[in-house]
Amino acid sequence: MKSKDSIQQGNVVINTMELITPLGPMIAGTTSKGVCFLEFINRTRLQKELNDLQKILNAVMLPQRNEHSDQLEKELSEYFEGKRKTFSVALHTPSNEFSRLVWKVLQQIPYGKTCSYKEQAEMMHNPKAIRAIASANGRNRIAIIIPCHRVIGSNGSMTGYAAGVERKKWLLNFERENSEISAGFLF
C-alpha cells in the first residue's frame, strides 16, 4: 500500500476496510464509484485478486472509508441480521462486457433461491456458454452482493466457491431460513 503522499495524480484510490461477519472477517474495497471488492480474508487467491484489481484500475489501496464503505457496512450488517434481501450500494465492476452481464444476471437470482450454471446460461439466452459463464462467476470480486453463491450444479450439488463450500452452504441455508420461500431442502 502507498501512503497518501505518494499517490500520483490520476491514480484511483481503493479505500479498504475489514468487516467482521458471522462467517469470518471480510475485506472490502470501495472507490469513488462504489464497491469494487468484497471477499473473505481467507479466500483462495485473495492477494492475486487484489493485485489484479489494482492493475486494472491503476489504483492504490489505502485503509480509509468513504460513503460507499459506510453504506456497504450498514447493508451487510442488515443482510446478516436477516433483514436485507437486496443491496442498493453502488458497485464498481471493471471488467469486460460479458463478465459484467454475467454478474448482472447473478444479481437477478432471488434471495433464498438457487440456479444452475445451465439455467444461468439460459437466462442469458446463451445456452452454449456454460463454461464461460462459470468462469466469469469465478472472477466475481464482490461476494454476497453479487451472489455467485446461489449458483449450484445442475444435479443440485455444491460447486466450487472461492471462500469455501461450507460458507456457500451456510449462506444458502441462511437465505432460505430468512426468506418468504418455503425452507424446503437445506444443504
N, C-alpha and C. Protein backbone atom coordinates (compact mmCIF):
# COMPACT_ATOMS: atom_id res chain seq x y z
N MET A 1 0.83 -1.19 0.00
CA MET A 1 0.00 0.00 0.00
C MET A 1 0.87 1.24 0.00
N LYS A 2 0.40 2.26 -0.66
CA LYS A 2 1.12 3.53 -0.72
C LYS A 2 0.53 4.51 0.28
N SER A 3 1.35 5.46 0.67
CA SER A 3 0.84 6.49 1.56
C SER A 3 0.11 7.56 0.74
N LYS A 4 -0.66 8.38 1.43
CA LYS A 4 -1.39 9.46 0.75
C LYS A 4 -0.42 10.37 0.01
N ASP A 5 0.76 10.59 0.58
CA ASP A 5 1.74 11.49 -0.03
C ASP A 5 2.28 10.94 -1.35
N SER A 6 2.24 9.61 -1.52
CA SER A 6 2.83 9.04 -2.72
C SER A 6 1.81 8.77 -3.82
N ILE A 7 0.56 9.17 -3.63
CA ILE A 7 -0.46 8.97 -4.65
C ILE A 7 -0.18 9.92 -5.81
N GLN A 8 -0.03 9.35 -6.97
CA GLN A 8 0.20 10.16 -8.16
C GLN A 8 -1.13 10.65 -8.69
N GLN A 9 -1.10 11.84 -9.26
CA GLN A 9 -2.32 12.38 -9.83
C GLN A 9 -2.82 11.43 -10.92
N GLY A 10 -4.12 11.16 -10.92
CA GLY A 10 -4.69 10.26 -11.90
C GLY A 10 -4.92 8.86 -11.37
N ASN A 11 -4.26 8.50 -10.28
CA ASN A 11 -4.48 7.18 -9.70
C ASN A 11 -5.84 7.13 -9.01
N VAL A 12 -6.47 5.99 -9.11
CA VAL A 12 -7.72 5.73 -8.39
C VAL A 12 -7.34 5.27 -6.99
N VAL A 13 -8.12 5.66 -6.00
CA VAL A 13 -7.90 5.20 -4.64
C VAL A 13 -8.95 4.13 -4.33
N ILE A 14 -8.48 2.98 -3.88
CA ILE A 14 -9.36 1.93 -3.37
C ILE A 14 -9.30 2.02 -1.86
N ASN A 15 -10.40 2.46 -1.26
CA ASN A 15 -10.49 2.56 0.19
C ASN A 15 -10.74 1.15 0.73
N THR A 16 -9.93 0.71 1.66
CA THR A 16 -10.06 -0.65 2.19
C THR A 16 -10.45 -0.62 3.67
N MET A 17 -11.19 -1.64 4.05
CA MET A 17 -11.53 -1.82 5.45
C MET A 17 -11.85 -3.29 5.69
N GLU A 18 -11.75 -3.69 6.94
CA GLU A 18 -12.10 -5.05 7.32
C GLU A 18 -13.49 -5.04 7.95
N LEU A 19 -14.29 -6.03 7.59
CA LEU A 19 -15.62 -6.18 8.16
C LEU A 19 -15.69 -7.53 8.86
N ILE A 20 -16.29 -7.56 10.03
CA ILE A 20 -16.46 -8.81 10.76
C ILE A 20 -17.87 -9.33 10.48
N THR A 21 -17.96 -10.60 10.07
CA THR A 21 -19.25 -11.22 9.76
C THR A 21 -19.37 -12.53 10.53
N PRO A 22 -20.56 -13.11 10.57
CA PRO A 22 -20.72 -14.41 11.22
C PRO A 22 -19.90 -15.52 10.56
N LEU A 23 -19.46 -15.30 9.33
CA LEU A 23 -18.66 -16.30 8.62
C LEU A 23 -17.18 -15.98 8.62
N GLY A 24 -16.79 -14.98 9.38
CA GLY A 24 -15.38 -14.61 9.45
C GLY A 24 -15.15 -13.24 8.84
N PRO A 25 -13.93 -12.73 9.00
CA PRO A 25 -13.62 -11.39 8.51
C PRO A 25 -13.61 -11.32 6.98
N MET A 26 -14.02 -10.15 6.49
CA MET A 26 -14.00 -9.87 5.06
C MET A 26 -13.21 -8.60 4.84
N ILE A 27 -12.65 -8.46 3.65
CA ILE A 27 -12.00 -7.21 3.27
C ILE A 27 -12.87 -6.57 2.20
N ALA A 28 -13.10 -5.28 2.35
CA ALA A 28 -13.91 -4.53 1.40
C ALA A 28 -13.05 -3.46 0.76
N GLY A 29 -13.31 -3.20 -0.51
CA GLY A 29 -12.66 -2.12 -1.24
C GLY A 29 -13.71 -1.29 -1.93
N THR A 30 -13.59 0.03 -1.79
CA THR A 30 -14.53 0.94 -2.46
C THR A 30 -13.74 2.04 -3.16
N THR A 31 -14.27 2.49 -4.27
CA THR A 31 -13.72 3.65 -4.96
C THR A 31 -14.76 4.76 -4.87
N SER A 32 -14.49 5.85 -5.53
CA SER A 32 -15.48 6.94 -5.55
C SER A 32 -16.73 6.53 -6.32
N LYS A 33 -16.65 5.44 -7.12
CA LYS A 33 -17.80 4.98 -7.91
C LYS A 33 -18.64 3.93 -7.17
N GLY A 34 -18.07 3.22 -6.20
CA GLY A 34 -18.82 2.20 -5.48
C GLY A 34 -17.94 1.07 -4.99
N VAL A 35 -18.58 -0.01 -4.56
CA VAL A 35 -17.87 -1.18 -4.04
C VAL A 35 -17.21 -1.91 -5.21
N CYS A 36 -15.92 -2.15 -5.09
CA CYS A 36 -15.21 -2.87 -6.15
C CYS A 36 -14.68 -4.20 -5.66
N PHE A 37 -14.75 -4.44 -4.34
CA PHE A 37 -14.19 -5.67 -3.80
C PHE A 37 -14.85 -5.98 -2.47
N LEU A 38 -15.25 -7.24 -2.29
CA LEU A 38 -15.75 -7.72 -1.01
C LEU A 38 -15.51 -9.22 -0.98
N GLU A 39 -14.56 -9.64 -0.20
CA GLU A 39 -14.19 -11.05 -0.13
C GLU A 39 -13.80 -11.44 1.29
N PHE A 40 -13.96 -12.72 1.58
CA PHE A 40 -13.49 -13.25 2.86
C PHE A 40 -11.97 -13.24 2.86
N ILE A 41 -11.39 -12.94 4.01
CA ILE A 41 -9.95 -12.76 4.10
C ILE A 41 -9.17 -14.02 3.73
N ASN A 42 -9.75 -15.20 3.99
CA ASN A 42 -9.02 -16.42 3.65
C ASN A 42 -9.49 -17.02 2.32
N ARG A 43 -10.05 -16.21 1.45
CA ARG A 43 -10.48 -16.64 0.11
C ARG A 43 -9.28 -17.15 -0.68
N THR A 44 -9.52 -18.13 -1.52
CA THR A 44 -8.50 -18.63 -2.42
C THR A 44 -8.01 -17.50 -3.31
N ARG A 45 -6.70 -17.35 -3.42
CA ARG A 45 -6.06 -16.38 -4.32
C ARG A 45 -6.44 -14.93 -4.03
N LEU A 46 -6.66 -14.60 -2.77
CA LEU A 46 -7.07 -13.25 -2.39
C LEU A 46 -6.07 -12.19 -2.85
N GLN A 47 -4.79 -12.41 -2.56
CA GLN A 47 -3.80 -11.39 -2.90
C GLN A 47 -3.71 -11.18 -4.41
N LYS A 48 -3.83 -12.24 -5.19
CA LYS A 48 -3.82 -12.10 -6.64
C LYS A 48 -5.01 -11.26 -7.11
N GLU A 49 -6.18 -11.50 -6.52
CA GLU A 49 -7.37 -10.71 -6.89
C GLU A 49 -7.16 -9.23 -6.58
N LEU A 50 -6.60 -8.94 -5.42
CA LEU A 50 -6.34 -7.54 -5.04
C LEU A 50 -5.32 -6.91 -5.99
N ASN A 51 -4.24 -7.64 -6.29
CA ASN A 51 -3.22 -7.11 -7.21
C ASN A 51 -3.80 -6.86 -8.60
N ASP A 52 -4.62 -7.80 -9.10
CA ASP A 52 -5.24 -7.63 -10.41
C ASP A 52 -6.14 -6.40 -10.44
N LEU A 53 -6.92 -6.22 -9.38
CA LEU A 53 -7.82 -5.07 -9.32
C LEU A 53 -7.03 -3.76 -9.31
N GLN A 54 -5.94 -3.73 -8.56
CA GLN A 54 -5.10 -2.53 -8.54
C GLN A 54 -4.57 -2.21 -9.94
N LYS A 55 -4.15 -3.24 -10.66
CA LYS A 55 -3.63 -3.02 -12.01
C LYS A 55 -4.73 -2.55 -12.96
N ILE A 56 -5.89 -3.20 -12.92
CA ILE A 56 -7.00 -2.83 -13.80
C ILE A 56 -7.39 -1.37 -13.61
N LEU A 57 -7.44 -0.94 -12.36
CA LEU A 57 -7.88 0.42 -12.04
C LEU A 57 -6.74 1.44 -11.96
N ASN A 58 -5.48 0.96 -12.11
CA ASN A 58 -4.32 1.83 -11.88
C ASN A 58 -4.50 2.52 -10.53
N ALA A 59 -4.71 1.69 -9.51
CA ALA A 59 -5.15 2.19 -8.21
C ALA A 59 -4.11 1.94 -7.11
N VAL A 60 -4.27 2.71 -6.07
CA VAL A 60 -3.55 2.49 -4.82
C VAL A 60 -4.59 2.13 -3.76
N MET A 61 -4.19 1.35 -2.79
CA MET A 61 -5.09 0.96 -1.70
C MET A 61 -4.70 1.69 -0.44
N LEU A 62 -5.71 2.26 0.20
CA LEU A 62 -5.50 2.98 1.45
C LEU A 62 -6.55 2.54 2.46
N PRO A 63 -6.13 2.29 3.70
CA PRO A 63 -7.10 1.90 4.74
C PRO A 63 -7.89 3.11 5.21
N GLN A 64 -8.96 3.40 4.51
CA GLN A 64 -9.82 4.53 4.87
C GLN A 64 -11.23 4.24 4.38
N ARG A 65 -12.14 5.13 4.68
CA ARG A 65 -13.56 4.92 4.37
C ARG A 65 -14.06 6.01 3.44
N ASN A 66 -15.19 5.71 2.80
CA ASN A 66 -15.92 6.73 2.06
C ASN A 66 -17.41 6.43 2.21
N GLU A 67 -18.26 7.17 1.52
CA GLU A 67 -19.71 6.97 1.68
C GLU A 67 -20.14 5.57 1.24
N HIS A 68 -19.45 4.98 0.26
CA HIS A 68 -19.81 3.63 -0.20
C HIS A 68 -19.43 2.57 0.84
N SER A 69 -18.30 2.75 1.49
CA SER A 69 -17.92 1.77 2.52
C SER A 69 -18.86 1.86 3.72
N ASP A 70 -19.29 3.08 4.06
CA ASP A 70 -20.25 3.23 5.15
C ASP A 70 -21.57 2.54 4.82
N GLN A 71 -22.06 2.76 3.58
CA GLN A 71 -23.30 2.13 3.17
C GLN A 71 -23.15 0.61 3.09
N LEU A 72 -22.02 0.13 2.57
CA LEU A 72 -21.77 -1.30 2.50
C LEU A 72 -21.81 -1.93 3.89
N GLU A 73 -21.13 -1.32 4.84
CA GLU A 73 -21.10 -1.86 6.19
C GLU A 73 -22.52 -1.97 6.77
N LYS A 74 -23.33 -0.95 6.57
CA LYS A 74 -24.71 -0.94 7.06
C LYS A 74 -25.53 -2.03 6.38
N GLU A 75 -25.46 -2.11 5.06
CA GLU A 75 -26.27 -3.08 4.32
C GLU A 75 -25.82 -4.51 4.60
N LEU A 76 -24.53 -4.75 4.72
CA LEU A 76 -24.04 -6.10 5.01
C LEU A 76 -24.46 -6.53 6.41
N SER A 77 -24.44 -5.61 7.35
CA SER A 77 -24.92 -5.90 8.70
C SER A 77 -26.40 -6.29 8.68
N GLU A 78 -27.20 -5.53 7.93
CA GLU A 78 -28.62 -5.83 7.81
C GLU A 78 -28.84 -7.19 7.14
N TYR A 79 -28.00 -7.52 6.16
CA TYR A 79 -28.09 -8.82 5.48
C TYR A 79 -27.89 -9.94 6.50
N PHE A 80 -26.83 -9.84 7.30
CA PHE A 80 -26.53 -10.90 8.26
C PHE A 80 -27.50 -10.93 9.44
N GLU A 81 -28.30 -9.88 9.61
CA GLU A 81 -29.38 -9.89 10.60
C GLU A 81 -30.65 -10.51 10.02
N GLY A 82 -30.61 -10.84 8.72
CA GLY A 82 -31.78 -11.42 8.04
C GLY A 82 -32.80 -10.38 7.61
N LYS A 83 -32.43 -9.11 7.69
CA LYS A 83 -33.36 -8.02 7.37
C LYS A 83 -33.26 -7.54 5.92
N ARG A 84 -32.11 -7.70 5.29
CA ARG A 84 -31.89 -7.19 3.93
C ARG A 84 -31.82 -8.34 2.94
N LYS A 85 -32.64 -8.23 1.88
CA LYS A 85 -32.68 -9.27 0.85
C LYS A 85 -32.01 -8.81 -0.45
N THR A 86 -31.96 -7.50 -0.67
CA THR A 86 -31.29 -6.94 -1.84
C THR A 86 -30.40 -5.79 -1.38
N PHE A 87 -29.42 -5.48 -2.19
CA PHE A 87 -28.47 -4.42 -1.86
C PHE A 87 -28.66 -3.24 -2.79
N SER A 88 -28.46 -2.03 -2.27
CA SER A 88 -28.59 -0.84 -3.09
C SER A 88 -27.29 -0.05 -3.20
N VAL A 89 -26.25 -0.48 -2.50
CA VAL A 89 -24.97 0.20 -2.56
C VAL A 89 -24.46 0.16 -4.00
N ALA A 90 -23.84 1.26 -4.45
CA ALA A 90 -23.30 1.34 -5.81
C ALA A 90 -22.14 0.36 -5.96
N LEU A 91 -22.03 -0.22 -7.16
CA LEU A 91 -20.95 -1.16 -7.45
C LEU A 91 -20.04 -0.59 -8.53
N HIS A 92 -18.78 -0.93 -8.44
CA HIS A 92 -17.78 -0.56 -9.45
C HIS A 92 -17.15 -1.87 -9.89
N THR A 93 -17.55 -2.35 -11.06
CA THR A 93 -17.15 -3.69 -11.53
C THR A 93 -16.37 -3.62 -12.84
N PRO A 94 -15.13 -3.19 -12.79
CA PRO A 94 -14.36 -3.10 -14.02
C PRO A 94 -14.09 -4.50 -14.58
N SER A 95 -14.45 -4.71 -15.81
CA SER A 95 -14.21 -5.99 -16.49
C SER A 95 -14.71 -5.85 -17.91
N ASN A 96 -14.71 -6.98 -18.62
CA ASN A 96 -15.24 -6.95 -19.98
C ASN A 96 -16.76 -7.00 -19.94
N GLU A 97 -17.37 -6.69 -21.06
CA GLU A 97 -18.83 -6.61 -21.14
C GLU A 97 -19.50 -7.94 -20.79
N PHE A 98 -18.93 -9.06 -21.24
CA PHE A 98 -19.52 -10.37 -20.95
C PHE A 98 -19.56 -10.63 -19.45
N SER A 99 -18.46 -10.41 -18.76
CA SER A 99 -18.42 -10.64 -17.31
C SER A 99 -19.42 -9.76 -16.58
N ARG A 100 -19.50 -8.49 -16.97
CA ARG A 100 -20.46 -7.59 -16.32
C ARG A 100 -21.89 -8.07 -16.53
N LEU A 101 -22.20 -8.62 -17.71
CA LEU A 101 -23.53 -9.17 -17.98
C LEU A 101 -23.79 -10.40 -17.10
N VAL A 102 -22.79 -11.27 -16.98
CA VAL A 102 -22.91 -12.45 -16.12
C VAL A 102 -23.22 -12.02 -14.69
N TRP A 103 -22.50 -11.01 -14.19
CA TRP A 103 -22.70 -10.56 -12.82
C TRP A 103 -24.06 -9.89 -12.65
N LYS A 104 -24.54 -9.22 -13.68
CA LYS A 104 -25.87 -8.60 -13.62
C LYS A 104 -26.94 -9.69 -13.50
N VAL A 105 -26.78 -10.77 -14.25
CA VAL A 105 -27.73 -11.88 -14.18
C VAL A 105 -27.66 -12.54 -12.80
N LEU A 106 -26.46 -12.67 -12.23
CA LEU A 106 -26.35 -13.22 -10.87
C LEU A 106 -27.19 -12.42 -9.89
N GLN A 107 -27.21 -11.13 -10.04
CA GLN A 107 -27.97 -10.27 -9.13
C GLN A 107 -29.48 -10.42 -9.30
N GLN A 108 -29.91 -11.09 -10.35
CA GLN A 108 -31.33 -11.33 -10.58
C GLN A 108 -31.82 -12.63 -9.95
N ILE A 109 -30.90 -13.45 -9.44
CA ILE A 109 -31.30 -14.68 -8.76
C ILE A 109 -31.88 -14.27 -7.41
N PRO A 110 -33.14 -14.58 -7.16
CA PRO A 110 -33.78 -14.11 -5.93
C PRO A 110 -33.13 -14.66 -4.66
N TYR A 111 -33.16 -13.83 -3.64
CA TYR A 111 -32.73 -14.21 -2.30
C TYR A 111 -33.46 -15.49 -1.90
N GLY A 112 -32.73 -16.47 -1.38
CA GLY A 112 -33.34 -17.72 -0.94
C GLY A 112 -33.50 -18.75 -2.03
N LYS A 113 -33.14 -18.42 -3.26
CA LYS A 113 -33.26 -19.34 -4.40
C LYS A 113 -31.86 -19.69 -4.91
N THR A 114 -31.81 -20.73 -5.71
CA THR A 114 -30.58 -21.10 -6.39
C THR A 114 -30.89 -21.31 -7.87
N CYS A 115 -29.85 -21.34 -8.67
CA CYS A 115 -30.00 -21.74 -10.06
C CYS A 115 -28.72 -22.45 -10.48
N SER A 116 -28.80 -23.20 -11.55
CA SER A 116 -27.62 -23.92 -12.05
C SER A 116 -26.91 -23.03 -13.07
N TYR A 117 -25.67 -23.42 -13.41
CA TYR A 117 -24.96 -22.71 -14.46
C TYR A 117 -25.75 -22.80 -15.77
N LYS A 118 -26.38 -23.94 -16.01
CA LYS A 118 -27.18 -24.13 -17.22
C LYS A 118 -28.35 -23.14 -17.22
N GLU A 119 -29.04 -23.02 -16.10
CA GLU A 119 -30.15 -22.06 -16.00
C GLU A 119 -29.66 -20.62 -16.17
N GLN A 120 -28.49 -20.34 -15.61
CA GLN A 120 -27.93 -19.00 -15.77
C GLN A 120 -27.63 -18.73 -17.25
N ALA A 121 -27.10 -19.72 -17.95
CA ALA A 121 -26.83 -19.58 -19.39
C ALA A 121 -28.13 -19.36 -20.16
N GLU A 122 -29.18 -20.06 -19.77
CA GLU A 122 -30.48 -19.88 -20.43
C GLU A 122 -31.04 -18.48 -20.15
N MET A 123 -30.85 -17.99 -18.92
CA MET A 123 -31.30 -16.63 -18.59
C MET A 123 -30.60 -15.59 -19.48
N MET A 124 -29.38 -15.92 -19.89
CA MET A 124 -28.59 -15.02 -20.73
C MET A 124 -28.83 -15.28 -22.22
N HIS A 125 -29.72 -16.23 -22.52
CA HIS A 125 -30.02 -16.60 -23.91
C HIS A 125 -28.75 -17.05 -24.63
N ASN A 126 -27.90 -17.78 -23.91
CA ASN A 126 -26.63 -18.24 -24.44
C ASN A 126 -26.32 -19.63 -23.87
N PRO A 127 -27.15 -20.65 -24.23
CA PRO A 127 -27.04 -21.96 -23.59
C PRO A 127 -25.72 -22.69 -23.82
N LYS A 128 -24.95 -22.29 -24.80
CA LYS A 128 -23.67 -22.96 -25.08
C LYS A 128 -22.50 -22.34 -24.31
N ALA A 129 -22.77 -21.29 -23.55
CA ALA A 129 -21.70 -20.56 -22.87
C ALA A 129 -21.54 -20.95 -21.40
N ILE A 130 -21.97 -22.14 -21.04
CA ILE A 130 -21.95 -22.54 -19.62
C ILE A 130 -20.56 -22.40 -19.01
N ARG A 131 -19.55 -22.89 -19.68
CA ARG A 131 -18.18 -22.82 -19.11
C ARG A 131 -17.70 -21.38 -18.99
N ALA A 132 -17.96 -20.57 -19.99
CA ALA A 132 -17.55 -19.16 -19.94
C ALA A 132 -18.28 -18.43 -18.82
N ILE A 133 -19.55 -18.76 -18.64
CA ILE A 133 -20.34 -18.15 -17.56
C ILE A 133 -19.80 -18.59 -16.20
N ALA A 134 -19.49 -19.86 -16.05
CA ALA A 134 -18.93 -20.36 -14.80
C ALA A 134 -17.60 -19.67 -14.50
N SER A 135 -16.80 -19.47 -15.52
CA SER A 135 -15.51 -18.79 -15.35
C SER A 135 -15.72 -17.34 -14.91
N ALA A 136 -16.68 -16.65 -15.53
CA ALA A 136 -16.97 -15.26 -15.13
C ALA A 136 -17.50 -15.21 -13.70
N ASN A 137 -18.33 -16.19 -13.32
CA ASN A 137 -18.80 -16.26 -11.93
C ASN A 137 -17.60 -16.33 -10.99
N GLY A 138 -16.60 -17.13 -11.35
CA GLY A 138 -15.41 -17.29 -10.52
C GLY A 138 -14.57 -16.03 -10.43
N ARG A 139 -14.72 -15.12 -11.38
CA ARG A 139 -13.97 -13.85 -11.35
C ARG A 139 -14.71 -12.75 -10.61
N ASN A 140 -15.88 -13.06 -10.09
CA ASN A 140 -16.65 -12.09 -9.31
C ASN A 140 -15.83 -11.66 -8.09
N ARG A 141 -15.64 -10.38 -7.92
CA ARG A 141 -14.85 -9.85 -6.79
C ARG A 141 -15.72 -9.31 -5.66
N ILE A 142 -17.05 -9.43 -5.81
CA ILE A 142 -17.92 -8.82 -4.81
C ILE A 142 -18.86 -9.89 -4.26
N ALA A 143 -18.34 -10.64 -3.29
CA ALA A 143 -19.10 -11.74 -2.68
C ALA A 143 -20.39 -11.22 -2.05
N ILE A 144 -21.36 -12.07 -1.96
CA ILE A 144 -22.66 -11.86 -1.32
C ILE A 144 -23.52 -10.86 -2.11
N ILE A 145 -23.00 -9.66 -2.38
CA ILE A 145 -23.78 -8.66 -3.10
C ILE A 145 -24.03 -9.09 -4.54
N ILE A 146 -23.00 -9.60 -5.19
CA ILE A 146 -23.17 -10.27 -6.48
C ILE A 146 -23.15 -11.75 -6.12
N PRO A 147 -24.33 -12.35 -5.96
CA PRO A 147 -24.47 -13.64 -5.25
C PRO A 147 -24.12 -14.89 -6.06
N CYS A 148 -22.84 -15.05 -6.37
CA CYS A 148 -22.41 -16.26 -7.07
C CYS A 148 -22.60 -17.50 -6.21
N HIS A 149 -22.78 -17.31 -4.90
CA HIS A 149 -23.03 -18.46 -4.01
C HIS A 149 -24.37 -19.12 -4.32
N ARG A 150 -25.25 -18.45 -5.05
CA ARG A 150 -26.58 -19.00 -5.37
C ARG A 150 -26.56 -19.92 -6.59
N VAL A 151 -25.40 -20.10 -7.21
CA VAL A 151 -25.30 -20.97 -8.38
C VAL A 151 -24.76 -22.33 -7.92
N ILE A 152 -25.51 -23.37 -8.29
CA ILE A 152 -25.16 -24.74 -7.91
C ILE A 152 -25.11 -25.60 -9.17
N GLY A 153 -24.66 -26.83 -9.01
CA GLY A 153 -24.63 -27.76 -10.14
C GLY A 153 -26.03 -28.15 -10.58
N SER A 154 -26.16 -28.58 -11.83
CA SER A 154 -27.46 -28.99 -12.38
C SER A 154 -28.10 -30.12 -11.57
N ASN A 155 -27.26 -30.94 -10.94
CA ASN A 155 -27.77 -32.04 -10.14
C ASN A 155 -28.01 -31.64 -8.68
N GLY A 156 -27.92 -30.34 -8.39
CA GLY A 156 -28.14 -29.85 -7.03
C GLY A 156 -26.91 -29.86 -6.15
N SER A 157 -25.78 -30.28 -6.71
CA SER A 157 -24.55 -30.37 -5.91
C SER A 157 -23.93 -28.99 -5.70
N MET A 158 -23.19 -28.89 -4.62
CA MET A 158 -22.43 -27.67 -4.36
C MET A 158 -21.26 -27.65 -5.33
N THR A 159 -21.08 -26.55 -6.00
CA THR A 159 -19.94 -26.39 -6.87
C THR A 159 -18.93 -25.52 -6.16
N GLY A 160 -17.78 -25.35 -6.75
CA GLY A 160 -16.73 -24.58 -6.10
C GLY A 160 -17.17 -23.19 -5.69
N TYR A 161 -16.58 -22.72 -4.62
CA TYR A 161 -16.80 -21.37 -4.12
C TYR A 161 -15.48 -20.93 -3.53
N ALA A 162 -14.93 -19.83 -4.01
CA ALA A 162 -13.58 -19.41 -3.61
C ALA A 162 -13.43 -19.24 -2.11
N ALA A 163 -14.52 -18.91 -1.43
CA ALA A 163 -14.46 -18.75 0.03
C ALA A 163 -14.73 -20.06 0.76
N GLY A 164 -14.93 -21.15 0.02
CA GLY A 164 -15.15 -22.46 0.62
C GLY A 164 -16.60 -22.91 0.53
N VAL A 165 -16.78 -24.18 0.23
CA VAL A 165 -18.12 -24.76 0.07
C VAL A 165 -18.92 -24.67 1.36
N GLU A 166 -18.27 -24.78 2.51
CA GLU A 166 -19.01 -24.68 3.78
C GLU A 166 -19.65 -23.30 3.94
N ARG A 167 -18.94 -22.26 3.53
CA ARG A 167 -19.52 -20.91 3.59
C ARG A 167 -20.69 -20.80 2.61
N LYS A 168 -20.53 -21.38 1.44
CA LYS A 168 -21.60 -21.36 0.45
C LYS A 168 -22.85 -22.03 1.02
N LYS A 169 -22.69 -23.20 1.63
CA LYS A 169 -23.82 -23.91 2.24
C LYS A 169 -24.46 -23.05 3.32
N TRP A 170 -23.64 -22.42 4.15
CA TRP A 170 -24.16 -21.58 5.23
C TRP A 170 -24.99 -20.44 4.65
N LEU A 171 -24.47 -19.75 3.63
CA LEU A 171 -25.18 -18.63 3.02
C LEU A 171 -26.51 -19.08 2.42
N LEU A 172 -26.52 -20.21 1.72
CA LEU A 172 -27.76 -20.70 1.12
C LEU A 172 -28.78 -21.07 2.18
N ASN A 173 -28.34 -21.76 3.23
CA ASN A 173 -29.25 -22.11 4.32
C ASN A 173 -29.78 -20.87 5.03
N PHE A 174 -28.89 -19.93 5.29
CA PHE A 174 -29.26 -18.68 5.95
C PHE A 174 -30.32 -17.94 5.14
N GLU A 175 -30.11 -17.83 3.84
CA GLU A 175 -31.07 -17.11 2.99
C GLU A 175 -32.40 -17.84 2.94
N ARG A 176 -32.37 -19.15 2.87
CA ARG A 176 -33.64 -19.90 2.84
C ARG A 176 -34.39 -19.73 4.16
N GLU A 177 -33.68 -19.77 5.26
CA GLU A 177 -34.32 -19.61 6.57
C GLU A 177 -34.92 -18.22 6.76
N ASN A 178 -34.37 -17.23 6.08
CA ASN A 178 -34.82 -15.85 6.25
C ASN A 178 -35.64 -15.32 5.08
N SER A 179 -36.04 -16.19 4.19
CA SER A 179 -36.84 -15.75 3.04
C SER A 179 -38.29 -16.16 3.23
N GLU A 180 -39.12 -15.60 2.37
CA GLU A 180 -40.53 -15.96 2.40
C GLU A 180 -40.76 -17.31 1.72
N ILE A 181 -39.72 -17.79 1.04
CA ILE A 181 -39.79 -19.06 0.32
C ILE A 181 -39.78 -20.19 1.35
N SER A 182 -40.51 -21.23 1.09
CA SER A 182 -40.53 -22.38 1.98
C SER A 182 -39.12 -22.87 2.21
N ALA A 183 -38.81 -23.18 3.45
CA ALA A 183 -37.46 -23.61 3.81
C ALA A 183 -37.02 -24.81 2.98
N GLY A 184 -37.87 -25.77 2.77
CA GLY A 184 -37.54 -26.91 1.90
C GLY A 184 -36.23 -27.58 2.25
N PHE A 185 -35.54 -28.03 1.23
CA PHE A 185 -34.27 -28.76 1.40
C PHE A 185 -33.15 -27.81 1.77
N LEU A 186 -32.48 -28.12 2.84
CA LEU A 186 -31.32 -27.34 3.25
C LEU A 186 -30.08 -28.19 3.04
N PHE A 187 -28.98 -27.53 2.71
CA PHE A 187 -27.73 -28.23 2.42
C PHE A 187 -27.00 -28.57 3.69
